[in-house]
């Protein structure tokens, strides 16, 4: 277990997530979770105000239509997605970015194998809790 995990867990338990340093988060050291078939997720750097998340989608993956109160900035590193955000439908490919406002229903599907970086503000507490749970139980 990495140093600092207990401190982060305690801060979340006290409902006051505080990151006290700016140490880099190494992609190869962060475990993946698999919240849906065809989707993997890595919770990267985060604090109480924002969170960086990497998603890998298999070709043919169709995400569940949902909404959340967080603002979401999406950057497509590679691949191509079909996106519905509110009443708007579009495709986003490598190098594209877009914003999903908090509270807007949205859905994405992978037209080809894709890699995406999402920035959420404020941070996704349920994602942080799952990352801490996984780290503690390993």
Protein backbone atom coordinates (compact mmCIF):
# COMPACT_ATOMS: atom_id res chain seq x y z
CA UNK A 1 0.00 0.00 0.00
CA UNK A 2 1.38 3.41 -0.97
CA UNK A 3 2.32 5.90 1.72
CA UNK A 4 -0.34 8.52 2.26
CA UNK A 5 -3.37 6.34 1.47
CA UNK A 6 -4.44 6.22 5.10
CA UNK A 7 -4.20 10.01 5.36
CA UNK A 8 -6.30 10.48 2.21
CA UNK A 9 -8.86 7.95 3.41
CA UNK A 10 -9.15 9.63 6.80
CA UNK A 11 -9.61 13.04 5.14
CA UNK A 12 -12.45 11.72 2.99
CA UNK A 13 -14.05 10.06 6.00
CA UNK A 14 -13.98 13.45 7.70
CA UNK A 15 -15.59 14.93 4.54
CA UNK A 16 -12.66 17.25 3.91
CA UNK A 17 -10.44 15.79 1.21
CA UNK A 18 -7.14 17.65 1.37
CA UNK A 19 -4.11 16.91 -0.79
CA UNK A 20 -1.04 18.27 0.95
CA UNK A 21 1.49 17.87 -1.83
CA UNK A 22 1.87 17.94 -5.58
CA UNK A 23 3.59 14.59 -6.05
CA UNK A 24 3.05 13.14 -9.52
CA UNK A 25 0.69 10.22 -10.03
CA UNK A 26 2.25 7.52 -12.19
CA UNK A 27 -0.12 5.95 -14.72
CA UNK A 28 1.56 2.56 -14.41
CA UNK A 29 1.05 2.51 -10.62
CA UNK A 30 -2.68 3.31 -10.64
CA UNK A 31 -4.94 0.24 -10.76
CA UNK A 32 -7.74 0.07 -13.30
CA UNK A 33 -11.35 -0.57 -12.41
CA UNK A 34 -13.98 -1.93 -14.79
CA UNK A 35 -17.28 -0.18 -14.03
CA UNK A 36 -18.99 -1.41 -17.23
CA UNK A 37 -18.22 -4.11 -19.74
CA UNK A 38 -15.84 -2.64 -22.31
CA UNK A 39 -14.76 0.27 -20.09
CA UNK A 40 -11.71 0.62 -17.85
CA UNK A 41 -11.07 3.56 -15.53
CA UNK A 42 -8.01 4.94 -13.76
CA UNK A 43 -8.36 7.68 -11.17
CA UNK A 44 -5.27 9.83 -11.60
CA UNK A 45 -4.42 13.11 -9.82
CA UNK A 46 -7.17 14.76 -7.80
CA UNK A 47 -8.05 17.02 -4.94
CA UNK A 48 -11.33 18.36 -3.53
CA UNK A 49 -11.73 20.78 -6.46
CA UNK A 50 -10.93 18.62 -9.50
CA UNK A 51 -10.13 15.12 -10.66
CA UNK A 52 -8.30 13.65 -13.67
CA UNK A 53 -9.64 10.30 -14.91
CA UNK A 54 -8.41 8.10 -17.76
CA UNK A 55 -10.97 5.94 -19.56
CA UNK A 56 -10.24 3.20 -22.10
CA UNK A 57 -13.19 2.05 -24.19
CA UNK A 58 -13.35 -1.05 -26.35
CA UNK A 59 -14.84 -0.69 -29.81
CA UNK A 60 -18.60 -1.17 -29.50
CA UNK A 61 -18.83 -0.04 -25.87
CA UNK A 62 -22.05 1.86 -25.17
CA UNK A 63 -22.11 3.84 -21.95
CA UNK A 64 -25.17 4.27 -19.80
CA UNK A 65 -27.02 7.57 -20.33
CA UNK A 66 -26.57 9.53 -17.10
CA UNK A 67 -26.05 12.90 -15.50
CA UNK A 68 -24.05 14.18 -12.54
CA UNK A 69 -23.63 17.58 -10.92
CA UNK A 70 -19.94 17.81 -11.91
CA UNK A 71 -18.65 19.83 -14.85
CA UNK A 72 -16.81 17.44 -17.19
CA UNK A 73 -14.08 18.36 -19.65
CA UNK A 74 -13.34 15.55 -22.12
CA UNK A 75 -10.20 15.16 -24.25
CA UNK A 76 -10.02 12.31 -26.76
CA UNK A 77 -6.44 11.04 -26.89
CA UNK A 78 -7.13 8.37 -29.50
CA UNK A 79 -10.12 6.73 -31.11
CA UNK A 80 -13.56 8.01 -32.03
CA UNK A 81 -16.70 8.43 -29.93
CA UNK A 82 -20.36 9.03 -30.68
CA UNK A 83 -21.67 11.45 -28.03
CA UNK A 84 -25.11 12.66 -27.06
CA UNK A 85 -25.14 15.59 -24.62
CA UNK A 86 -28.56 16.98 -23.92
CA UNK A 87 -30.26 17.20 -27.33
CA UNK A 88 -26.97 17.51 -29.26
CA UNK A 89 -25.35 14.51 -30.97
CA UNK A 90 -21.84 14.56 -32.43
CA UNK A 91 -18.67 12.56 -33.01
CA UNK A 92 -15.41 13.31 -31.23
CA UNK A 93 -12.10 11.92 -32.50
CA UNK A 94 -8.41 12.03 -31.55
CA UNK A 95 -7.44 15.56 -30.57
CA UNK A 96 -11.02 16.74 -29.96
CA UNK A 97 -12.28 18.10 -26.66
CA UNK A 98 -15.67 19.14 -25.34
CA UNK A 99 -17.43 20.11 -22.14
CA UNK A 100 -20.48 18.47 -20.57
CA UNK A 101 -22.12 20.92 -18.15
CA UNK A 102 -23.06 19.62 -14.72
CA UNK A 103 -26.60 18.24 -14.63
CA UNK A 104 -26.79 17.54 -18.37
CA UNK A 105 -27.78 14.00 -19.41
CA UNK A 106 -25.16 12.51 -21.67
CA UNK A 107 -24.03 9.24 -23.20
CA UNK A 108 -21.03 8.09 -25.21
CA UNK A 109 -20.24 5.04 -27.30
CA UNK A 110 -16.93 3.93 -28.81
CA UNK A 111 -16.93 3.72 -32.61
CA UNK A 112 -13.39 2.36 -32.32
CA UNK A 113 -11.03 1.53 -29.47
CA UNK A 114 -10.64 4.84 -27.62
CA UNK A 115 -8.69 6.55 -24.86
CA UNK A 116 -10.10 9.61 -23.11
CA UNK A 117 -9.02 11.93 -20.33
CA UNK A 118 -11.84 13.43 -18.26
CA UNK A 119 -11.46 16.31 -15.85
CA UNK A 120 -14.27 16.66 -13.33
CA UNK A 121 -14.93 19.63 -11.11
CA UNK A 122 -15.50 19.29 -8.29
CA UNK A 123 -13.92 15.87 -7.79
CA UNK A 124 -16.09 12.74 -8.06
CA UNK A 125 -16.34 11.60 -4.45
CA UNK A 126 -17.66 8.16 -5.45
CA UNK A 127 -14.63 7.65 -7.73
CA UNK A 128 -12.24 8.76 -4.97
CA UNK A 129 -13.88 6.42 -2.48
CA UNK A 130 -13.60 3.49 -4.90
CA UNK A 131 -9.91 4.25 -5.52
CA UNK A 132 -9.21 4.38 -1.80
CA UNK A 133 -11.21 1.21 -1.17
CA UNK A 134 -9.25 -0.64 -3.87
CA UNK A 135 -5.92 0.57 -2.47
CA UNK A 136 -6.80 -0.43 1.08
CA UNK A 137 -8.04 -3.91 0.14
CA UNK A 138 -5.05 -4.83 -2.05
